[in-house]
Amino acid sequence: MLVGVVAFNVLNIITTEDTRAIGVLFTGYFFQGLGFFMTFFYICIYIIRIMTTGFLEGHQANGAFVAAGPPGFTALALINLGKNARRLLDAHNLITPTSRRDLVRR
């Protein structure tokens, strides 16, 4: 789950011309998505538990942080990996000229 967060921090250090940067980018996307996919099952179980037993009280309410943390890390990783993808894909000529014009305008 934290591979995406580590990947965008590594991409902030690696130079754009380094060919390993593309591998780090795609590895970060893959494992972050895989981690969120597995977390989605936990979120479903958590919601079913709330529906059957009602809202949690007292010390059980801390479980909400366990359910809310992974989607937050996924959002953080995808936003920062997207920022790095704009820079890296253009530098390695992995996008079409039409897409490149759209990226430059934004």
N, C-alpha and C. Protein backbone atom coordinates (compact mmCIF):
# COMPACT_ATOMS: atom_id res chain seq x y z
N MET A 1 0.82 -1.19 0.00
CA MET A 1 0.00 0.00 0.00
C MET A 1 0.86 1.25 0.00
N LEU A 2 2.00 1.20 0.61
CA LEU A 2 2.86 2.38 0.66
C LEU A 2 3.83 2.47 -0.50
N VAL A 3 3.80 1.52 -1.41
CA VAL A 3 4.74 1.54 -2.53
C VAL A 3 4.51 2.77 -3.40
N GLY A 4 3.27 3.18 -3.59
CA GLY A 4 2.98 4.38 -4.37
C GLY A 4 3.55 5.63 -3.73
N VAL A 5 3.45 5.73 -2.41
CA VAL A 5 4.00 6.88 -1.69
C VAL A 5 5.52 6.89 -1.79
N VAL A 6 6.13 5.73 -1.63
CA VAL A 6 7.59 5.64 -1.77
C VAL A 6 8.00 5.95 -3.20
N ALA A 7 7.22 5.50 -4.17
CA ALA A 7 7.56 5.71 -5.59
C ALA A 7 7.57 7.18 -5.95
N PHE A 8 6.58 7.96 -5.50
CA PHE A 8 6.61 9.37 -5.89
C PHE A 8 7.70 10.13 -5.16
N ASN A 9 8.07 9.68 -3.97
CA ASN A 9 9.21 10.31 -3.30
C ASN A 9 10.52 9.98 -4.00
N VAL A 10 10.65 8.76 -4.49
CA VAL A 10 11.84 8.39 -5.27
C VAL A 10 11.88 9.17 -6.57
N LEU A 11 10.72 9.35 -7.21
CA LEU A 11 10.67 10.08 -8.48
C LEU A 11 11.01 11.56 -8.31
N ASN A 12 10.80 12.10 -7.12
CA ASN A 12 11.20 13.48 -6.86
C ASN A 12 12.71 13.62 -6.79
N ILE A 13 13.42 12.51 -6.54
CA ILE A 13 14.88 12.54 -6.42
C ILE A 13 15.56 12.15 -7.73
N ILE A 14 15.00 11.15 -8.43
CA ILE A 14 15.61 10.66 -9.68
C ILE A 14 15.47 11.73 -10.76
N THR A 15 16.50 11.85 -11.60
CA THR A 15 16.43 12.80 -12.70
C THR A 15 15.45 12.31 -13.77
N THR A 16 14.94 13.23 -14.55
CA THR A 16 13.96 12.91 -15.59
C THR A 16 14.54 12.01 -16.67
N GLU A 17 15.82 12.17 -16.98
CA GLU A 17 16.44 11.42 -18.06
C GLU A 17 16.74 9.97 -17.69
N ASP A 18 16.70 9.64 -16.42
CA ASP A 18 17.01 8.28 -15.97
C ASP A 18 15.93 7.32 -16.46
N THR A 19 16.35 6.25 -17.14
CA THR A 19 15.37 5.30 -17.70
C THR A 19 14.67 4.48 -16.61
N ARG A 20 15.26 4.40 -15.44
CA ARG A 20 14.62 3.66 -14.34
C ARG A 20 13.40 4.39 -13.81
N ALA A 21 13.27 5.67 -14.11
CA ALA A 21 12.16 6.45 -13.58
C ALA A 21 10.81 5.94 -14.09
N ILE A 22 10.76 5.51 -15.34
CA ILE A 22 9.50 4.97 -15.89
C ILE A 22 9.11 3.69 -15.16
N GLY A 23 10.08 2.84 -14.88
CA GLY A 23 9.80 1.61 -14.13
C GLY A 23 9.30 1.90 -12.73
N VAL A 24 9.90 2.89 -12.08
CA VAL A 24 9.45 3.28 -10.74
C VAL A 24 8.02 3.81 -10.80
N LEU A 25 7.73 4.61 -11.82
CA LEU A 25 6.39 5.18 -11.97
C LEU A 25 5.34 4.08 -12.13
N PHE A 26 5.57 3.16 -13.06
CA PHE A 26 4.58 2.11 -13.30
C PHE A 26 4.50 1.11 -12.15
N THR A 27 5.61 0.85 -11.47
CA THR A 27 5.58 -0.01 -10.29
C THR A 27 4.76 0.64 -9.18
N GLY A 28 4.93 1.94 -9.01
CA GLY A 28 4.14 2.66 -8.01
C GLY A 28 2.66 2.60 -8.30
N TYR A 29 2.29 2.82 -9.57
CA TYR A 29 0.88 2.73 -9.95
C TYR A 29 0.33 1.32 -9.72
N PHE A 30 1.08 0.31 -10.13
CA PHE A 30 0.60 -1.07 -10.03
C PHE A 30 0.37 -1.49 -8.58
N PHE A 31 1.38 -1.29 -7.74
CA PHE A 31 1.24 -1.77 -6.37
C PHE A 31 0.31 -0.90 -5.54
N GLN A 32 0.20 0.38 -5.86
CA GLN A 32 -0.78 1.21 -5.16
C GLN A 32 -2.19 0.74 -5.52
N GLY A 33 -2.42 0.44 -6.78
CA GLY A 33 -3.72 -0.08 -7.20
C GLY A 33 -4.04 -1.43 -6.59
N LEU A 34 -3.03 -2.29 -6.53
CA LEU A 34 -3.22 -3.60 -5.91
C LEU A 34 -3.54 -3.47 -4.43
N GLY A 35 -2.85 -2.57 -3.75
CA GLY A 35 -3.12 -2.34 -2.33
C GLY A 35 -4.51 -1.79 -2.10
N PHE A 36 -4.94 -0.86 -2.94
CA PHE A 36 -6.29 -0.32 -2.78
C PHE A 36 -7.34 -1.38 -3.10
N PHE A 37 -7.07 -2.24 -4.07
CA PHE A 37 -7.99 -3.32 -4.39
C PHE A 37 -8.21 -4.23 -3.18
N MET A 38 -7.13 -4.55 -2.48
CA MET A 38 -7.26 -5.39 -1.29
C MET A 38 -7.95 -4.63 -0.15
N THR A 39 -7.68 -3.35 -0.04
CA THR A 39 -8.29 -2.53 1.00
C THR A 39 -9.79 -2.38 0.76
N PHE A 40 -10.18 -2.39 -0.50
CA PHE A 40 -11.60 -2.26 -0.83
C PHE A 40 -12.42 -3.37 -0.17
N PHE A 41 -11.86 -4.56 -0.08
CA PHE A 41 -12.56 -5.66 0.59
C PHE A 41 -12.76 -5.35 2.07
N TYR A 42 -11.75 -4.78 2.70
CA TYR A 42 -11.87 -4.43 4.11
C TYR A 42 -12.92 -3.34 4.30
N ILE A 43 -12.95 -2.37 3.40
CA ILE A 43 -13.94 -1.30 3.51
C ILE A 43 -15.35 -1.87 3.38
N CYS A 44 -15.55 -2.81 2.48
CA CYS A 44 -16.86 -3.45 2.33
C CYS A 44 -17.27 -4.18 3.61
N ILE A 45 -16.34 -4.91 4.20
CA ILE A 45 -16.63 -5.61 5.46
C ILE A 45 -16.96 -4.61 6.56
N TYR A 46 -16.23 -3.50 6.61
CA TYR A 46 -16.46 -2.47 7.61
C TYR A 46 -17.85 -1.86 7.46
N ILE A 47 -18.26 -1.58 6.23
CA ILE A 47 -19.58 -0.99 6.00
C ILE A 47 -20.69 -1.98 6.36
N ILE A 48 -20.51 -3.25 6.01
CA ILE A 48 -21.50 -4.26 6.38
C ILE A 48 -21.60 -4.38 7.89
N ARG A 49 -20.48 -4.30 8.58
CA ARG A 49 -20.48 -4.36 10.04
C ARG A 49 -21.24 -3.18 10.64
N ILE A 50 -21.06 -2.00 10.08
CA ILE A 50 -21.79 -0.83 10.57
C ILE A 50 -23.29 -0.98 10.31
N MET A 51 -23.64 -1.53 9.16
CA MET A 51 -25.05 -1.70 8.82
C MET A 51 -25.73 -2.73 9.72
N THR A 52 -25.01 -3.75 10.13
CA THR A 52 -25.64 -4.80 10.94
C THR A 52 -25.63 -4.49 12.43
N THR A 53 -24.58 -3.85 12.93
CA THR A 53 -24.48 -3.62 14.38
C THR A 53 -24.68 -2.18 14.78
N GLY A 54 -24.78 -1.27 13.85
CA GLY A 54 -24.91 0.15 14.18
C GLY A 54 -23.53 0.80 14.28
N PHE A 55 -23.54 2.10 14.52
CA PHE A 55 -22.28 2.81 14.61
C PHE A 55 -21.48 2.37 15.82
N LEU A 56 -20.19 2.42 15.70
CA LEU A 56 -19.31 1.96 16.76
C LEU A 56 -19.25 2.99 17.88
N GLU A 57 -19.03 2.51 19.09
CA GLU A 57 -18.97 3.39 20.25
C GLU A 57 -17.65 3.20 20.98
N GLY A 58 -17.22 4.25 21.62
CA GLY A 58 -16.04 4.19 22.48
C GLY A 58 -14.77 3.79 21.75
N HIS A 59 -14.09 2.80 22.33
CA HIS A 59 -12.80 2.37 21.79
C HIS A 59 -12.93 1.69 20.43
N GLN A 60 -14.12 1.22 20.08
CA GLN A 60 -14.32 0.59 18.78
C GLN A 60 -14.33 1.60 17.64
N ALA A 61 -14.56 2.86 17.95
CA ALA A 61 -14.62 3.89 16.91
C ALA A 61 -13.25 4.12 16.27
N ASN A 62 -12.18 3.68 16.90
CA ASN A 62 -10.85 3.82 16.30
C ASN A 62 -10.73 3.02 15.00
N GLY A 63 -11.58 2.05 14.81
CA GLY A 63 -11.57 1.28 13.57
C GLY A 63 -11.88 2.13 12.35
N ALA A 64 -12.51 3.28 12.55
CA ALA A 64 -12.79 4.17 11.42
C ALA A 64 -11.50 4.69 10.81
N PHE A 65 -10.48 4.90 11.62
CA PHE A 65 -9.20 5.37 11.09
C PHE A 65 -8.53 4.30 10.24
N VAL A 66 -8.71 3.05 10.62
CA VAL A 66 -8.15 1.95 9.83
C VAL A 66 -8.84 1.86 8.48
N ALA A 67 -10.13 2.14 8.45
CA ALA A 67 -10.87 2.08 7.19
C ALA A 67 -10.63 3.31 6.32
N ALA A 68 -10.36 4.46 6.92
CA ALA A 68 -10.22 5.70 6.15
C ALA A 68 -8.79 5.98 5.71
N GLY A 69 -7.80 5.38 6.34
CA GLY A 69 -6.41 5.67 6.01
C GLY A 69 -5.97 5.24 4.62
N PRO A 70 -6.18 3.99 4.23
CA PRO A 70 -5.72 3.53 2.91
C PRO A 70 -6.28 4.31 1.72
N PRO A 71 -7.57 4.68 1.70
CA PRO A 71 -8.01 5.52 0.57
C PRO A 71 -7.32 6.88 0.54
N GLY A 72 -6.99 7.40 1.71
CA GLY A 72 -6.26 8.67 1.75
C GLY A 72 -4.86 8.54 1.18
N PHE A 73 -4.17 7.45 1.54
CA PHE A 73 -2.84 7.21 0.98
C PHE A 73 -2.92 6.98 -0.53
N THR A 74 -3.98 6.31 -0.98
CA THR A 74 -4.14 6.08 -2.42
C THR A 74 -4.33 7.40 -3.15
N ALA A 75 -5.15 8.29 -2.60
CA ALA A 75 -5.35 9.59 -3.23
C ALA A 75 -4.05 10.38 -3.27
N LEU A 76 -3.31 10.38 -2.17
CA LEU A 76 -2.02 11.08 -2.12
C LEU A 76 -1.06 10.53 -3.16
N ALA A 77 -0.98 9.22 -3.26
CA ALA A 77 -0.05 8.60 -4.21
C ALA A 77 -0.46 8.87 -5.66
N LEU A 78 -1.74 8.75 -5.98
CA LEU A 78 -2.18 8.95 -7.36
C LEU A 78 -2.01 10.40 -7.81
N ILE A 79 -2.26 11.35 -6.93
CA ILE A 79 -2.07 12.76 -7.29
C ILE A 79 -0.60 13.03 -7.58
N ASN A 80 0.28 12.57 -6.70
CA ASN A 80 1.71 12.85 -6.89
C ASN A 80 2.33 12.03 -8.01
N LEU A 81 1.87 10.80 -8.21
CA LEU A 81 2.36 10.02 -9.35
C LEU A 81 1.89 10.65 -10.66
N GLY A 82 0.70 11.22 -10.67
CA GLY A 82 0.22 11.91 -11.86
C GLY A 82 1.05 13.13 -12.20
N LYS A 83 1.48 13.87 -11.17
CA LYS A 83 2.36 15.02 -11.42
C LYS A 83 3.68 14.57 -12.04
N ASN A 84 4.22 13.49 -11.52
CA ASN A 84 5.47 12.96 -12.07
C ASN A 84 5.27 12.35 -13.45
N ALA A 85 4.10 11.76 -13.70
CA ALA A 85 3.84 11.14 -15.01
C ALA A 85 3.81 12.19 -16.10
N ARG A 86 3.25 13.36 -15.84
CA ARG A 86 3.23 14.43 -16.85
C ARG A 86 4.65 14.78 -17.27
N ARG A 87 5.54 14.85 -16.32
CA ARG A 87 6.92 15.22 -16.60
C ARG A 87 7.68 14.09 -17.28
N LEU A 88 7.54 12.87 -16.78
CA LEU A 88 8.33 11.74 -17.28
C LEU A 88 7.87 11.25 -18.65
N LEU A 89 6.57 11.13 -18.85
CA LEU A 89 6.09 10.62 -20.13
C LEU A 89 6.43 11.57 -21.28
N ASP A 90 6.40 12.86 -21.01
CA ASP A 90 6.79 13.82 -22.04
C ASP A 90 8.29 13.76 -22.30
N ALA A 91 9.09 13.61 -21.27
CA ALA A 91 10.55 13.58 -21.44
C ALA A 91 11.02 12.34 -22.19
N HIS A 92 10.30 11.23 -22.06
CA HIS A 92 10.70 9.98 -22.72
C HIS A 92 9.92 9.73 -24.01
N ASN A 93 9.19 10.72 -24.48
CA ASN A 93 8.40 10.63 -25.73
C ASN A 93 7.44 9.44 -25.73
N LEU A 94 6.74 9.26 -24.64
CA LEU A 94 5.79 8.15 -24.53
C LEU A 94 4.34 8.60 -24.69
N ILE A 95 4.13 9.85 -25.09
CA ILE A 95 2.78 10.33 -25.35
C ILE A 95 2.73 10.91 -26.75
N THR A 96 1.54 10.97 -27.33
CA THR A 96 1.38 11.47 -28.69
C THR A 96 1.50 12.99 -28.70
N PRO A 97 1.81 13.58 -29.86
CA PRO A 97 1.90 15.05 -29.93
C PRO A 97 0.61 15.76 -29.54
N THR A 98 -0.53 15.16 -29.86
CA THR A 98 -1.81 15.77 -29.47
C THR A 98 -1.94 15.83 -27.96
N SER A 99 -1.60 14.75 -27.29
CA SER A 99 -1.66 14.72 -25.84
C SER A 99 -0.63 15.68 -25.24
N ARG A 100 0.50 15.79 -25.87
CA ARG A 100 1.54 16.69 -25.39
C ARG A 100 1.05 18.14 -25.41
N ARG A 101 0.34 18.53 -26.47
CA ARG A 101 -0.21 19.89 -26.54
C ARG A 101 -1.21 20.12 -25.41
N ASP A 102 -2.03 19.10 -25.12
CA ASP A 102 -3.00 19.25 -24.04
C ASP A 102 -2.32 19.39 -22.69
N LEU A 103 -1.22 18.67 -22.49
CA LEU A 103 -0.49 18.78 -21.23
C LEU A 103 0.17 20.14 -21.07
N VAL A 104 0.66 20.69 -22.16
CA VAL A 104 1.35 21.98 -22.09
C VAL A 104 0.35 23.09 -21.78
N ARG A 105 -0.86 22.99 -22.32
CA ARG A 105 -1.86 24.03 -22.09
C ARG A 105 -2.33 24.07 -20.65
N ARG A 106 -2.28 22.98 -19.95
CA ARG A 106 -2.84 22.93 -18.58
C ARG A 106 -1.83 23.27 -17.55
